[in-house]
N, C-alpha and C. Protein backbone atom coordinates (compact mmCIF):
# COMPACT_ATOMS: atom_id res chain seq x y z
N UNK A 1 19.79 12.89 -7.09
CA UNK A 1 19.58 13.79 -5.94
C UNK A 1 20.15 15.16 -6.28
N UNK A 2 19.40 16.21 -5.98
CA UNK A 2 19.82 17.55 -6.35
C UNK A 2 20.93 18.07 -5.44
N UNK A 3 21.86 18.78 -6.05
CA UNK A 3 22.92 19.42 -5.26
C UNK A 3 22.34 20.59 -4.51
N UNK A 4 22.84 20.82 -3.31
CA UNK A 4 22.32 21.92 -2.51
C UNK A 4 23.45 22.79 -2.02
N UNK A 5 23.14 24.05 -1.83
CA UNK A 5 24.09 24.97 -1.19
C UNK A 5 23.38 25.60 -0.03
N UNK A 6 24.11 26.07 0.95
CA UNK A 6 23.48 26.57 2.17
C UNK A 6 24.08 27.89 2.61
N UNK A 7 23.33 28.58 3.41
CA UNK A 7 23.84 29.79 4.07
C UNK A 7 23.29 29.81 5.47
N UNK A 8 24.12 30.04 6.45
CA UNK A 8 23.68 30.06 7.84
C UNK A 8 23.40 31.50 8.27
N UNK A 9 22.36 31.69 9.03
CA UNK A 9 21.97 33.01 9.53
C UNK A 9 21.77 32.87 11.02
N UNK A 10 21.79 33.99 11.72
CA UNK A 10 21.63 33.91 13.17
C UNK A 10 20.22 33.50 13.56
N UNK A 11 19.26 33.72 12.66
CA UNK A 11 17.87 33.37 13.00
C UNK A 11 17.30 32.32 12.07
N UNK A 12 17.52 32.47 10.75
CA UNK A 12 16.94 31.54 9.79
C UNK A 12 18.02 30.81 9.02
N UNK A 13 17.87 29.50 8.91
CA UNK A 13 18.82 28.65 8.19
C UNK A 13 18.18 28.31 6.84
N UNK A 14 18.89 28.56 5.73
CA UNK A 14 18.32 28.36 4.40
C UNK A 14 19.14 27.32 3.64
N UNK A 15 18.44 26.32 3.12
CA UNK A 15 19.06 25.31 2.25
C UNK A 15 18.43 25.46 0.88
N UNK A 16 19.27 25.53 -0.16
CA UNK A 16 18.79 25.74 -1.52
C UNK A 16 18.94 24.49 -2.36
N UNK A 17 17.92 24.23 -3.19
CA UNK A 17 18.01 23.17 -4.19
C UNK A 17 17.53 23.73 -5.52
N UNK A 18 17.46 22.92 -6.55
CA UNK A 18 17.04 23.40 -7.86
C UNK A 18 15.56 23.79 -7.87
N UNK A 19 14.78 23.19 -6.98
CA UNK A 19 13.34 23.44 -6.99
C UNK A 19 12.89 24.51 -5.99
N UNK A 20 13.77 24.88 -5.06
CA UNK A 20 13.35 25.88 -4.08
C UNK A 20 14.30 25.98 -2.90
N UNK A 21 13.72 26.38 -1.75
CA UNK A 21 14.52 26.63 -0.56
C UNK A 21 13.80 26.03 0.65
N UNK A 22 14.58 25.48 1.58
CA UNK A 22 14.05 25.03 2.86
C UNK A 22 14.52 26.04 3.89
N UNK A 23 13.54 26.72 4.50
CA UNK A 23 13.87 27.80 5.43
C UNK A 23 13.57 27.33 6.84
N UNK A 24 14.62 27.24 7.67
CA UNK A 24 14.45 26.81 9.05
C UNK A 24 13.91 27.92 9.92
N UNK A 25 13.20 27.54 10.98
CA UNK A 25 12.67 28.53 11.91
C UNK A 25 13.73 29.01 12.87
N UNK A 26 13.37 29.98 13.68
CA UNK A 26 14.31 30.48 14.67
C UNK A 26 14.62 29.41 15.71
N UNK A 27 15.89 29.35 16.11
CA UNK A 27 16.34 28.44 17.17
C UNK A 27 15.96 26.99 16.88
N UNK A 28 16.11 26.59 15.58
CA UNK A 28 15.87 25.20 15.23
C UNK A 28 14.42 24.83 15.09
N UNK A 29 13.54 25.82 14.87
CA UNK A 29 12.11 25.52 14.71
C UNK A 29 11.84 24.75 13.42
N UNK A 30 10.56 24.40 13.21
CA UNK A 30 10.19 23.64 12.03
C UNK A 30 10.53 24.39 10.75
N UNK A 31 11.12 23.67 9.79
CA UNK A 31 11.50 24.27 8.52
C UNK A 31 10.28 24.34 7.58
N UNK A 32 10.28 25.34 6.71
CA UNK A 32 9.19 25.55 5.76
C UNK A 32 9.79 25.64 4.36
N UNK A 33 9.11 25.02 3.38
CA UNK A 33 9.63 25.04 2.02
C UNK A 33 9.10 26.26 1.26
N UNK A 34 10.02 26.93 0.57
CA UNK A 34 9.67 28.02 -0.34
C UNK A 34 10.04 27.54 -1.74
N UNK A 35 9.03 27.35 -2.58
CA UNK A 35 9.26 26.76 -3.89
C UNK A 35 9.49 27.81 -4.95
N UNK A 36 10.31 27.46 -5.95
CA UNK A 36 10.47 28.29 -7.13
C UNK A 36 9.35 27.92 -8.11
N UNK A 37 8.59 28.87 -8.58
CA UNK A 37 7.53 28.62 -9.57
C UNK A 37 7.65 29.64 -10.69
N UNK A 38 6.89 29.42 -11.76
CA UNK A 38 6.90 30.36 -12.89
C UNK A 38 6.40 31.74 -12.47
N UNK A 39 5.55 31.76 -11.44
CA UNK A 39 4.99 33.03 -10.98
C UNK A 39 5.80 33.65 -9.85
N UNK A 40 6.90 33.00 -9.46
CA UNK A 40 7.75 33.54 -8.40
C UNK A 40 7.89 32.58 -7.23
N UNK A 41 8.25 33.10 -6.07
CA UNK A 41 8.43 32.28 -4.89
C UNK A 41 7.08 32.02 -4.20
N UNK A 42 6.87 30.79 -3.79
CA UNK A 42 5.65 30.42 -3.09
C UNK A 42 6.00 29.67 -1.82
N UNK A 43 5.40 30.09 -0.70
CA UNK A 43 5.68 29.48 0.60
C UNK A 43 4.48 28.66 1.07
N UNK A 44 4.74 27.64 1.87
CA UNK A 44 3.68 26.77 2.37
C UNK A 44 3.15 27.20 3.73
N UNK A 45 3.72 28.25 4.31
CA UNK A 45 3.30 28.63 5.66
C UNK A 45 1.90 29.26 5.66
N UNK A 46 1.30 29.35 6.84
CA UNK A 46 -0.07 29.85 6.97
C UNK A 46 -0.19 31.30 6.54
N UNK A 47 0.78 32.13 6.95
CA UNK A 47 0.73 33.55 6.63
C UNK A 47 0.71 33.75 5.12
N UNK A 48 1.53 32.97 4.40
CA UNK A 48 1.61 33.11 2.95
C UNK A 48 0.29 32.72 2.29
N UNK A 49 -0.45 31.81 2.91
CA UNK A 49 -1.71 31.36 2.32
C UNK A 49 -2.84 32.35 2.51
N UNK A 50 -2.78 33.16 3.57
CA UNK A 50 -3.90 34.07 3.88
C UNK A 50 -3.58 35.53 3.61
N UNK A 51 -2.33 35.82 3.27
CA UNK A 51 -1.95 37.23 3.07
C UNK A 51 -1.38 37.43 1.67
N UNK A 52 -1.58 38.64 1.14
CA UNK A 52 -1.00 38.97 -0.16
C UNK A 52 0.44 39.46 -0.01
N UNK A 53 0.85 39.74 1.22
CA UNK A 53 2.21 40.22 1.46
C UNK A 53 3.16 39.04 1.60
N UNK A 54 4.45 39.30 1.39
CA UNK A 54 5.47 38.27 1.57
C UNK A 54 5.57 37.87 3.04
N UNK A 55 5.68 36.58 3.28
CA UNK A 55 5.88 36.09 4.65
C UNK A 55 7.36 36.21 5.00
N UNK A 56 7.70 35.90 6.26
CA UNK A 56 9.09 36.02 6.72
C UNK A 56 10.01 35.07 5.96
N UNK A 57 9.48 33.93 5.52
CA UNK A 57 10.31 32.94 4.83
C UNK A 57 10.69 33.43 3.43
N UNK A 58 9.73 34.00 2.72
CA UNK A 58 10.03 34.53 1.39
C UNK A 58 10.97 35.73 1.50
N UNK A 59 10.76 36.59 2.51
CA UNK A 59 11.66 37.74 2.70
C UNK A 59 13.08 37.25 2.98
N UNK A 60 13.18 36.20 3.79
CA UNK A 60 14.51 35.67 4.11
C UNK A 60 15.19 35.12 2.86
N UNK A 61 14.42 34.45 2.00
CA UNK A 61 14.99 33.91 0.76
C UNK A 61 15.43 35.04 -0.17
N UNK A 62 14.62 36.10 -0.27
CA UNK A 62 14.99 37.23 -1.13
C UNK A 62 16.29 37.87 -0.64
N UNK A 63 16.41 38.05 0.68
CA UNK A 63 17.63 38.62 1.25
C UNK A 63 18.83 37.71 1.00
N UNK A 64 18.56 36.42 1.11
CA UNK A 64 19.62 35.42 0.89
C UNK A 64 20.12 35.47 -0.55
N UNK A 65 19.19 35.54 -1.53
CA UNK A 65 19.57 35.60 -2.94
C UNK A 65 20.30 36.90 -3.25
N UNK A 66 19.83 37.99 -2.64
CA UNK A 66 20.46 39.30 -2.89
C UNK A 66 21.87 39.35 -2.32
N UNK A 67 22.08 38.68 -1.19
CA UNK A 67 23.40 38.74 -0.55
C UNK A 67 24.42 37.86 -1.24
N UNK A 68 23.98 36.72 -1.78
CA UNK A 68 24.89 35.82 -2.50
C UNK A 68 24.19 35.37 -3.79
N UNK A 69 24.15 36.22 -4.81
CA UNK A 69 23.36 35.94 -6.02
C UNK A 69 23.83 34.73 -6.81
N UNK A 70 25.11 34.43 -6.80
CA UNK A 70 25.62 33.29 -7.56
C UNK A 70 25.84 32.10 -6.64
N UNK A 71 25.36 30.94 -7.09
CA UNK A 71 25.47 29.75 -6.24
C UNK A 71 26.91 29.41 -5.92
N UNK A 72 27.84 29.72 -6.82
CA UNK A 72 29.24 29.39 -6.58
C UNK A 72 29.81 30.22 -5.44
N UNK A 73 29.18 31.38 -5.14
CA UNK A 73 29.67 32.24 -4.09
C UNK A 73 29.09 31.86 -2.72
N UNK A 74 28.10 30.97 -2.70
CA UNK A 74 27.42 30.67 -1.45
C UNK A 74 28.27 29.73 -0.59
N UNK A 75 28.23 29.94 0.72
CA UNK A 75 29.16 29.23 1.62
C UNK A 75 28.88 27.73 1.67
N UNK A 76 29.95 26.97 1.92
CA UNK A 76 29.84 25.53 2.07
C UNK A 76 29.45 25.19 3.51
N UNK A 77 28.99 23.94 3.71
CA UNK A 77 28.63 23.49 5.04
C UNK A 77 29.87 23.32 5.91
N UNK A 78 29.74 23.68 7.17
CA UNK A 78 30.77 23.33 8.15
C UNK A 78 30.42 21.97 8.74
N UNK A 79 31.32 21.37 9.47
CA UNK A 79 31.03 20.08 10.10
C UNK A 79 29.89 20.21 11.10
N UNK A 80 29.86 21.36 11.79
CA UNK A 80 28.77 21.58 12.75
C UNK A 80 27.42 21.65 12.03
N UNK A 81 27.43 22.33 10.86
CA UNK A 81 26.20 22.40 10.07
C UNK A 81 25.77 21.00 9.63
N UNK A 82 26.74 20.22 9.13
CA UNK A 82 26.43 18.87 8.65
C UNK A 82 25.84 18.02 9.78
N UNK A 83 26.42 18.14 10.97
CA UNK A 83 25.92 17.36 12.10
C UNK A 83 24.50 17.80 12.48
N UNK A 84 24.26 19.11 12.39
CA UNK A 84 22.93 19.63 12.70
C UNK A 84 21.91 19.12 11.68
N UNK A 85 22.26 19.15 10.38
CA UNK A 85 21.35 18.67 9.35
C UNK A 85 21.10 17.17 9.50
N UNK A 86 22.12 16.44 9.90
CA UNK A 86 21.95 15.00 10.13
C UNK A 86 20.95 14.75 11.24
N UNK A 87 21.02 15.58 12.30
CA UNK A 87 20.07 15.44 13.40
C UNK A 87 18.65 15.76 12.94
N UNK A 88 18.51 16.73 12.01
CA UNK A 88 17.19 17.06 11.47
C UNK A 88 16.64 15.91 10.65
N UNK A 89 17.53 15.22 9.90
CA UNK A 89 17.09 14.03 9.17
C UNK A 89 16.56 12.97 10.12
N UNK A 90 17.25 12.82 11.25
CA UNK A 90 16.80 11.87 12.26
C UNK A 90 15.41 12.22 12.77
N UNK A 91 15.17 13.50 13.01
CA UNK A 91 13.86 13.95 13.48
C UNK A 91 12.77 13.64 12.45
N UNK A 92 13.09 13.89 11.17
CA UNK A 92 12.12 13.64 10.10
C UNK A 92 11.84 12.15 9.94
N UNK A 93 12.89 11.32 10.06
CA UNK A 93 12.69 9.87 9.99
C UNK A 93 11.80 9.39 11.13
N UNK A 94 12.00 9.97 12.32
CA UNK A 94 11.16 9.61 13.47
C UNK A 94 9.70 9.99 13.21
N UNK A 95 9.51 11.16 12.59
CA UNK A 95 8.14 11.60 12.27
C UNK A 95 7.50 10.67 11.25
N UNK A 96 8.27 10.27 10.22
CA UNK A 96 7.75 9.34 9.22
C UNK A 96 7.34 8.03 9.87
N UNK A 97 8.18 7.50 10.76
CA UNK A 97 7.87 6.24 11.45
C UNK A 97 6.61 6.37 12.28
N UNK A 98 6.47 7.52 12.98
CA UNK A 98 5.28 7.73 13.80
C UNK A 98 4.03 7.83 12.93
N UNK A 99 4.16 8.50 11.77
CA UNK A 99 3.04 8.61 10.84
C UNK A 99 2.63 7.25 10.30
N UNK A 100 3.63 6.42 9.97
CA UNK A 100 3.36 5.07 9.47
C UNK A 100 2.62 4.24 10.51
N UNK A 101 3.08 4.34 11.77
CA UNK A 101 2.44 3.59 12.85
C UNK A 101 1.00 4.06 13.04
N UNK A 102 0.81 5.38 12.99
CA UNK A 102 -0.53 5.94 13.13
C UNK A 102 -1.43 5.50 11.99
N UNK A 103 -0.88 5.53 10.75
CA UNK A 103 -1.67 5.14 9.58
C UNK A 103 -2.08 3.67 9.66
N UNK A 104 -1.15 2.81 10.09
CA UNK A 104 -1.47 1.39 10.20
C UNK A 104 -2.58 1.16 11.22
N UNK A 105 -2.54 1.91 12.32
CA UNK A 105 -3.58 1.78 13.34
C UNK A 105 -4.92 2.24 12.78
N UNK A 106 -4.89 3.35 12.01
CA UNK A 106 -6.12 3.84 11.41
C UNK A 106 -6.67 2.85 10.39
N UNK A 107 -5.78 2.20 9.63
CA UNK A 107 -6.22 1.20 8.65
C UNK A 107 -6.92 0.05 9.35
N UNK A 108 -6.37 -0.39 10.49
CA UNK A 108 -7.00 -1.47 11.26
C UNK A 108 -8.40 -1.06 11.70
N UNK A 109 -8.53 0.18 12.18
CA UNK A 109 -9.84 0.66 12.63
C UNK A 109 -10.82 0.75 11.47
N UNK A 110 -10.33 1.22 10.32
CA UNK A 110 -11.20 1.33 9.15
C UNK A 110 -11.65 -0.04 8.68
N UNK A 111 -10.73 -1.00 8.68
CA UNK A 111 -11.09 -2.36 8.28
C UNK A 111 -12.13 -2.96 9.22
N UNK A 112 -11.95 -2.71 10.53
CA UNK A 112 -12.92 -3.21 11.50
C UNK A 112 -14.28 -2.56 11.28
N UNK A 113 -14.26 -1.24 11.05
CA UNK A 113 -15.52 -0.53 10.78
C UNK A 113 -16.19 -1.09 9.54
N UNK A 114 -15.40 -1.32 8.48
CA UNK A 114 -15.95 -1.84 7.23
C UNK A 114 -16.52 -3.24 7.43
N UNK A 115 -15.82 -4.06 8.21
CA UNK A 115 -16.30 -5.42 8.47
C UNK A 115 -17.63 -5.40 9.20
N UNK A 116 -17.74 -4.53 10.22
CA UNK A 116 -18.99 -4.44 10.99
C UNK A 116 -20.13 -3.93 10.12
N UNK A 117 -19.86 -2.84 9.38
CA UNK A 117 -20.90 -2.24 8.55
C UNK A 117 -21.33 -3.17 7.42
N UNK A 118 -20.37 -3.87 6.83
CA UNK A 118 -20.69 -4.82 5.77
C UNK A 118 -21.54 -5.97 6.31
N UNK A 119 -21.21 -6.41 7.54
CA UNK A 119 -22.01 -7.46 8.17
C UNK A 119 -23.46 -7.05 8.36
N UNK A 120 -23.67 -5.79 8.78
CA UNK A 120 -25.03 -5.28 8.96
C UNK A 120 -25.79 -5.26 7.63
N UNK A 121 -25.10 -4.78 6.60
CA UNK A 121 -25.73 -4.69 5.28
C UNK A 121 -26.03 -6.08 4.73
N UNK A 122 -25.07 -7.01 4.90
CA UNK A 122 -25.28 -8.36 4.40
C UNK A 122 -26.45 -9.03 5.09
N UNK A 123 -26.64 -8.74 6.38
CA UNK A 123 -27.77 -9.29 7.12
C UNK A 123 -29.09 -8.84 6.48
N UNK A 124 -29.16 -7.57 6.08
CA UNK A 124 -30.36 -7.06 5.41
C UNK A 124 -30.53 -7.72 4.04
N UNK A 125 -29.40 -7.88 3.31
CA UNK A 125 -29.47 -8.52 2.00
C UNK A 125 -30.03 -9.94 2.10
N UNK A 126 -29.68 -10.64 3.19
CA UNK A 126 -30.12 -12.03 3.35
C UNK A 126 -31.63 -12.15 3.36
N UNK A 127 -32.33 -11.15 3.91
CA UNK A 127 -33.79 -11.19 3.94
C UNK A 127 -34.34 -11.17 2.51
N UNK A 128 -33.81 -10.24 1.69
CA UNK A 128 -34.27 -10.14 0.31
C UNK A 128 -33.92 -11.40 -0.49
N UNK A 129 -32.70 -11.91 -0.28
CA UNK A 129 -32.27 -13.11 -0.99
C UNK A 129 -33.17 -14.30 -0.67
N UNK A 130 -33.49 -14.47 0.62
CA UNK A 130 -34.35 -15.59 1.03
C UNK A 130 -35.75 -15.45 0.44
N UNK A 131 -36.29 -14.22 0.49
CA UNK A 131 -37.63 -14.00 -0.04
C UNK A 131 -37.68 -14.28 -1.54
N UNK A 132 -36.69 -13.81 -2.28
CA UNK A 132 -36.66 -14.02 -3.73
C UNK A 132 -36.41 -15.49 -4.07
N UNK A 133 -35.55 -16.15 -3.30
CA UNK A 133 -35.28 -17.57 -3.50
C UNK A 133 -36.56 -18.38 -3.32
N UNK A 134 -37.29 -18.09 -2.25
CA UNK A 134 -38.55 -18.80 -2.00
C UNK A 134 -39.56 -18.53 -3.11
N UNK A 135 -39.61 -17.28 -3.58
CA UNK A 135 -40.55 -16.91 -4.65
C UNK A 135 -40.26 -17.68 -5.93
N UNK A 136 -38.97 -17.84 -6.24
CA UNK A 136 -38.58 -18.58 -7.44
C UNK A 136 -39.03 -20.04 -7.34
N UNK A 137 -38.87 -20.64 -6.16
CA UNK A 137 -39.24 -22.06 -5.99
C UNK A 137 -40.75 -22.24 -5.98
N UNK A 138 -41.45 -21.33 -5.33
CA UNK A 138 -42.91 -21.44 -5.28
C UNK A 138 -43.52 -21.36 -6.68
N UNK A 139 -42.86 -20.61 -7.56
CA UNK A 139 -43.35 -20.47 -8.93
C UNK A 139 -42.64 -21.39 -9.91
N UNK A 140 -41.72 -22.23 -9.38
CA UNK A 140 -40.98 -23.20 -10.18
C UNK A 140 -40.24 -22.54 -11.35
N UNK A 141 -39.66 -21.35 -11.04
CA UNK A 141 -38.83 -20.68 -12.03
C UNK A 141 -37.38 -21.11 -11.87
N UNK A 142 -36.69 -21.32 -12.98
CA UNK A 142 -35.24 -21.51 -12.93
C UNK A 142 -34.52 -20.22 -13.31
N UNK A 143 -35.15 -19.44 -14.20
CA UNK A 143 -34.64 -18.13 -14.58
C UNK A 143 -35.83 -17.19 -14.74
N UNK A 144 -35.72 -15.99 -14.21
CA UNK A 144 -36.81 -15.03 -14.33
C UNK A 144 -36.24 -13.64 -14.54
N UNK A 145 -36.62 -13.02 -15.65
CA UNK A 145 -36.19 -11.66 -15.94
C UNK A 145 -37.21 -10.68 -15.38
N UNK A 146 -36.73 -9.73 -14.60
CA UNK A 146 -37.58 -8.70 -14.02
C UNK A 146 -37.10 -7.34 -14.49
N UNK A 147 -37.82 -6.30 -14.12
CA UNK A 147 -37.44 -4.94 -14.53
C UNK A 147 -36.06 -4.58 -13.98
N UNK A 148 -35.82 -4.93 -12.72
CA UNK A 148 -34.56 -4.54 -12.06
C UNK A 148 -33.40 -5.45 -12.40
N UNK A 149 -33.67 -6.64 -12.91
CA UNK A 149 -32.58 -7.56 -13.21
C UNK A 149 -33.07 -8.97 -13.48
N UNK A 150 -32.21 -9.95 -13.28
CA UNK A 150 -32.51 -11.35 -13.58
C UNK A 150 -32.22 -12.23 -12.38
N UNK A 151 -33.14 -13.15 -12.07
CA UNK A 151 -32.97 -14.13 -11.00
C UNK A 151 -32.72 -15.50 -11.61
N UNK A 152 -31.85 -16.29 -10.97
CA UNK A 152 -31.55 -17.63 -11.45
C UNK A 152 -31.44 -18.60 -10.28
N UNK A 153 -31.91 -19.82 -10.50
CA UNK A 153 -31.76 -20.91 -9.53
C UNK A 153 -31.10 -22.07 -10.24
N UNK A 154 -30.01 -22.57 -9.72
CA UNK A 154 -29.28 -23.67 -10.33
C UNK A 154 -29.00 -24.75 -9.29
N UNK A 155 -29.27 -26.01 -9.68
CA UNK A 155 -28.95 -27.13 -8.80
C UNK A 155 -27.45 -27.35 -8.80
N UNK A 156 -26.91 -27.81 -7.66
CA UNK A 156 -25.49 -28.08 -7.55
C UNK A 156 -25.24 -29.57 -7.33
N UNK A 157 -24.15 -30.04 -7.90
CA UNK A 157 -23.80 -31.45 -7.74
C UNK A 157 -23.36 -31.73 -6.31
N UNK A 158 -23.78 -32.90 -5.76
CA UNK A 158 -23.32 -33.26 -4.41
C UNK A 158 -21.80 -33.39 -4.36
N UNK A 159 -21.24 -33.14 -3.22
CA UNK A 159 -19.80 -33.30 -3.01
C UNK A 159 -19.52 -34.71 -2.51
N UNK A 160 -18.52 -35.36 -3.11
CA UNK A 160 -18.10 -36.69 -2.66
C UNK A 160 -16.87 -36.52 -1.77
N UNK A 161 -17.04 -36.75 -0.48
CA UNK A 161 -15.95 -36.60 0.48
C UNK A 161 -15.34 -37.95 0.78
N UNK A 162 -14.03 -38.09 0.53
CA UNK A 162 -13.32 -39.34 0.79
C UNK A 162 -12.88 -39.36 2.24
N UNK A 163 -13.50 -40.20 3.04
CA UNK A 163 -13.13 -40.32 4.46
C UNK A 163 -12.03 -41.35 4.68
N UNK A 164 -12.01 -42.43 3.86
CA UNK A 164 -11.03 -43.51 4.03
C UNK A 164 -10.62 -43.97 2.64
N UNK A 165 -9.57 -43.39 2.11
CA UNK A 165 -9.13 -43.70 0.75
C UNK A 165 -8.73 -45.16 0.60
N UNK A 166 -8.08 -45.74 1.61
CA UNK A 166 -7.65 -47.14 1.53
C UNK A 166 -8.86 -48.06 1.37
N UNK A 167 -9.94 -47.76 2.06
CA UNK A 167 -11.14 -48.60 1.98
C UNK A 167 -11.77 -48.49 0.61
N UNK A 168 -11.79 -47.29 0.04
CA UNK A 168 -12.38 -47.12 -1.29
C UNK A 168 -11.54 -47.83 -2.34
N UNK A 169 -10.22 -47.83 -2.17
CA UNK A 169 -9.33 -48.48 -3.12
C UNK A 169 -9.54 -50.00 -3.17
N UNK A 170 -10.19 -50.55 -2.16
CA UNK A 170 -10.49 -51.98 -2.17
C UNK A 170 -11.55 -52.34 -3.20
N UNK A 171 -12.30 -51.33 -3.68
CA UNK A 171 -13.32 -51.55 -4.70
C UNK A 171 -12.70 -51.26 -6.06
N UNK A 172 -12.43 -52.31 -6.85
CA UNK A 172 -11.72 -52.16 -8.11
C UNK A 172 -12.45 -51.31 -9.13
N UNK A 173 -13.76 -51.11 -8.95
CA UNK A 173 -14.52 -50.28 -9.90
C UNK A 173 -14.02 -48.84 -9.91
N UNK A 174 -13.43 -48.41 -8.79
CA UNK A 174 -13.04 -47.01 -8.67
C UNK A 174 -11.53 -46.87 -8.51
N UNK A 175 -10.81 -47.75 -9.20
CA UNK A 175 -9.35 -47.73 -9.16
C UNK A 175 -8.82 -47.54 -10.58
N UNK A 176 -7.89 -46.63 -10.73
CA UNK A 176 -7.18 -46.48 -12.00
C UNK A 176 -5.69 -46.67 -11.73
N UNK A 177 -5.01 -47.21 -12.69
CA UNK A 177 -3.60 -47.53 -12.52
C UNK A 177 -2.74 -46.39 -13.05
N UNK A 178 -2.04 -45.75 -12.14
CA UNK A 178 -1.03 -44.77 -12.49
C UNK A 178 0.29 -45.53 -12.45
N UNK A 179 1.20 -45.26 -13.39
CA UNK A 179 2.46 -46.03 -13.38
C UNK A 179 3.03 -46.22 -11.98
N UNK A 180 3.12 -47.48 -11.57
CA UNK A 180 3.69 -47.90 -10.29
C UNK A 180 2.89 -47.37 -9.09
N UNK A 181 1.60 -47.03 -9.31
CA UNK A 181 0.82 -46.54 -8.18
C UNK A 181 -0.67 -46.75 -8.44
N UNK A 182 -1.38 -47.21 -7.41
CA UNK A 182 -2.83 -47.31 -7.46
C UNK A 182 -3.42 -45.98 -6.98
N UNK A 183 -4.35 -45.44 -7.73
CA UNK A 183 -4.93 -44.16 -7.36
C UNK A 183 -6.44 -44.20 -7.58
N UNK A 184 -7.13 -43.39 -6.84
CA UNK A 184 -8.59 -43.33 -6.97
C UNK A 184 -8.98 -42.73 -8.32
N UNK A 185 -9.97 -43.36 -8.95
CA UNK A 185 -10.55 -42.80 -10.16
C UNK A 185 -11.78 -42.01 -9.71
N UNK A 186 -11.57 -40.77 -9.35
CA UNK A 186 -12.64 -39.96 -8.78
C UNK A 186 -13.75 -39.67 -9.78
N UNK A 187 -13.40 -39.63 -11.08
CA UNK A 187 -14.43 -39.40 -12.10
C UNK A 187 -15.41 -40.56 -12.14
N UNK A 188 -14.87 -41.78 -12.13
CA UNK A 188 -15.73 -42.98 -12.14
C UNK A 188 -16.53 -43.07 -10.85
N UNK A 189 -15.91 -42.72 -9.73
CA UNK A 189 -16.59 -42.77 -8.44
C UNK A 189 -17.77 -41.79 -8.42
N UNK A 190 -17.55 -40.58 -8.88
CA UNK A 190 -18.63 -39.59 -8.91
C UNK A 190 -19.77 -40.04 -9.80
N UNK A 191 -19.44 -40.54 -11.00
CA UNK A 191 -20.49 -40.98 -11.93
C UNK A 191 -21.33 -42.10 -11.33
N UNK A 192 -20.65 -43.05 -10.68
CA UNK A 192 -21.37 -44.18 -10.08
C UNK A 192 -22.31 -43.69 -8.97
N UNK A 193 -21.81 -42.84 -8.11
CA UNK A 193 -22.62 -42.34 -6.99
C UNK A 193 -23.79 -41.50 -7.50
N UNK A 194 -23.56 -40.70 -8.57
CA UNK A 194 -24.63 -39.88 -9.12
C UNK A 194 -25.70 -40.74 -9.78
N UNK A 195 -25.27 -41.83 -10.44
CA UNK A 195 -26.22 -42.69 -11.15
C UNK A 195 -27.02 -43.58 -10.20
N UNK A 196 -26.37 -44.05 -9.14
CA UNK A 196 -27.02 -45.04 -8.26
C UNK A 196 -27.47 -44.45 -6.93
N UNK A 197 -26.85 -43.36 -6.50
CA UNK A 197 -27.15 -42.81 -5.19
C UNK A 197 -26.54 -43.61 -4.05
N UNK A 198 -25.74 -44.61 -4.38
CA UNK A 198 -25.13 -45.48 -3.35
C UNK A 198 -23.95 -44.78 -2.69
N UNK A 199 -23.86 -44.89 -1.38
CA UNK A 199 -22.74 -44.35 -0.63
C UNK A 199 -21.87 -45.52 -0.21
N UNK A 200 -20.83 -45.79 -1.00
CA UNK A 200 -20.00 -46.96 -0.75
C UNK A 200 -19.12 -46.74 0.47
N UNK A 201 -18.58 -47.80 1.06
CA UNK A 201 -17.72 -47.67 2.24
C UNK A 201 -16.52 -46.76 1.98
N UNK A 202 -16.26 -45.86 2.90
CA UNK A 202 -15.09 -44.99 2.81
C UNK A 202 -15.39 -43.61 2.27
N UNK A 203 -16.64 -43.36 1.87
CA UNK A 203 -16.96 -42.04 1.34
C UNK A 203 -18.18 -41.48 2.05
N UNK A 204 -18.43 -40.22 1.82
CA UNK A 204 -19.62 -39.54 2.34
C UNK A 204 -20.15 -38.63 1.25
N UNK A 205 -21.41 -38.77 0.91
CA UNK A 205 -22.02 -37.91 -0.10
C UNK A 205 -22.65 -36.71 0.61
N UNK A 206 -22.17 -35.53 0.28
CA UNK A 206 -22.67 -34.31 0.91
C UNK A 206 -23.54 -33.58 -0.09
N UNK A 207 -24.84 -33.54 0.16
CA UNK A 207 -25.76 -32.85 -0.73
C UNK A 207 -25.64 -31.35 -0.54
N UNK A 208 -25.56 -30.64 -1.63
CA UNK A 208 -25.41 -29.20 -1.56
C UNK A 208 -26.74 -28.53 -1.92
N UNK A 209 -27.06 -27.43 -1.24
CA UNK A 209 -28.29 -26.70 -1.58
C UNK A 209 -28.16 -26.07 -2.96
N UNK A 210 -29.30 -25.78 -3.55
CA UNK A 210 -29.28 -25.13 -4.85
C UNK A 210 -28.59 -23.77 -4.74
N UNK A 211 -28.17 -23.27 -5.86
CA UNK A 211 -27.48 -21.99 -5.89
C UNK A 211 -28.42 -20.93 -6.47
N UNK A 212 -28.64 -19.87 -5.69
CA UNK A 212 -29.49 -18.76 -6.12
C UNK A 212 -28.62 -17.55 -6.39
N UNK A 213 -28.81 -16.89 -7.51
CA UNK A 213 -28.03 -15.69 -7.81
C UNK A 213 -28.90 -14.67 -8.52
N UNK A 214 -28.41 -13.44 -8.56
CA UNK A 214 -29.14 -12.36 -9.22
C UNK A 214 -28.17 -11.45 -9.96
N UNK A 215 -28.70 -10.77 -10.96
CA UNK A 215 -27.90 -9.81 -11.72
C UNK A 215 -28.75 -8.59 -11.95
N UNK A 216 -28.27 -7.43 -11.49
CA UNK A 216 -29.02 -6.18 -11.64
C UNK A 216 -28.79 -5.57 -13.01
N UNK A 217 -29.83 -4.96 -13.52
CA UNK A 217 -29.69 -4.22 -14.78
C UNK A 217 -28.95 -2.92 -14.53
N UNK A 218 -28.24 -2.44 -15.52
CA UNK A 218 -27.48 -1.21 -15.37
C UNK A 218 -28.35 -0.03 -15.02
N UNK A 219 -27.83 0.83 -14.12
CA UNK A 219 -28.57 2.03 -13.74
C UNK A 219 -29.55 1.84 -12.62
N UNK A 220 -29.69 0.58 -12.12
CA UNK A 220 -30.65 0.33 -11.02
C UNK A 220 -29.92 0.45 -9.70
């Protein structure tokens, strides 16, 4: 953290650091930073941005430097000054908290907007996906390369859902012995169901629709 020195004025309060000066407004108004740059002093206030002349903050800094040119000669903080600066820190912390709260609310609104807009776009995409999926099946294509990209249709394995594990364990064909424990041999169970199509007690075979996907060529 940079060391700072200060000088109190009847109208403008100036705090100095290695990178510049914080110039307070009259009667405790908002402070403005005047930065040290290779090209000289630069202020962030509106007047400094639109005028070629020095603003009141830069003039105050120049007078401050001229009056106490050496940092060792510049006055130390009084307790009253320290208490005032502490109160300004409190004001800035309150502003940061308010900004954070505002930003979080804006993020929620943006996420909601994105969710709604994405839903609308996805609804439109579904029409194209369904049309292309149907076209692939009508022509019995599994893979088709087009100018804009590639379409693919892949079958998916049915899902074996275990509804009653104890009942399935009664069938020794689908039991494997884990040290000191009987456990389902799901690999054997899947193979048997796929080979025979039989739905044994305690399970449910869930057929999955084929999987349709697409890949666009670059630049499309």
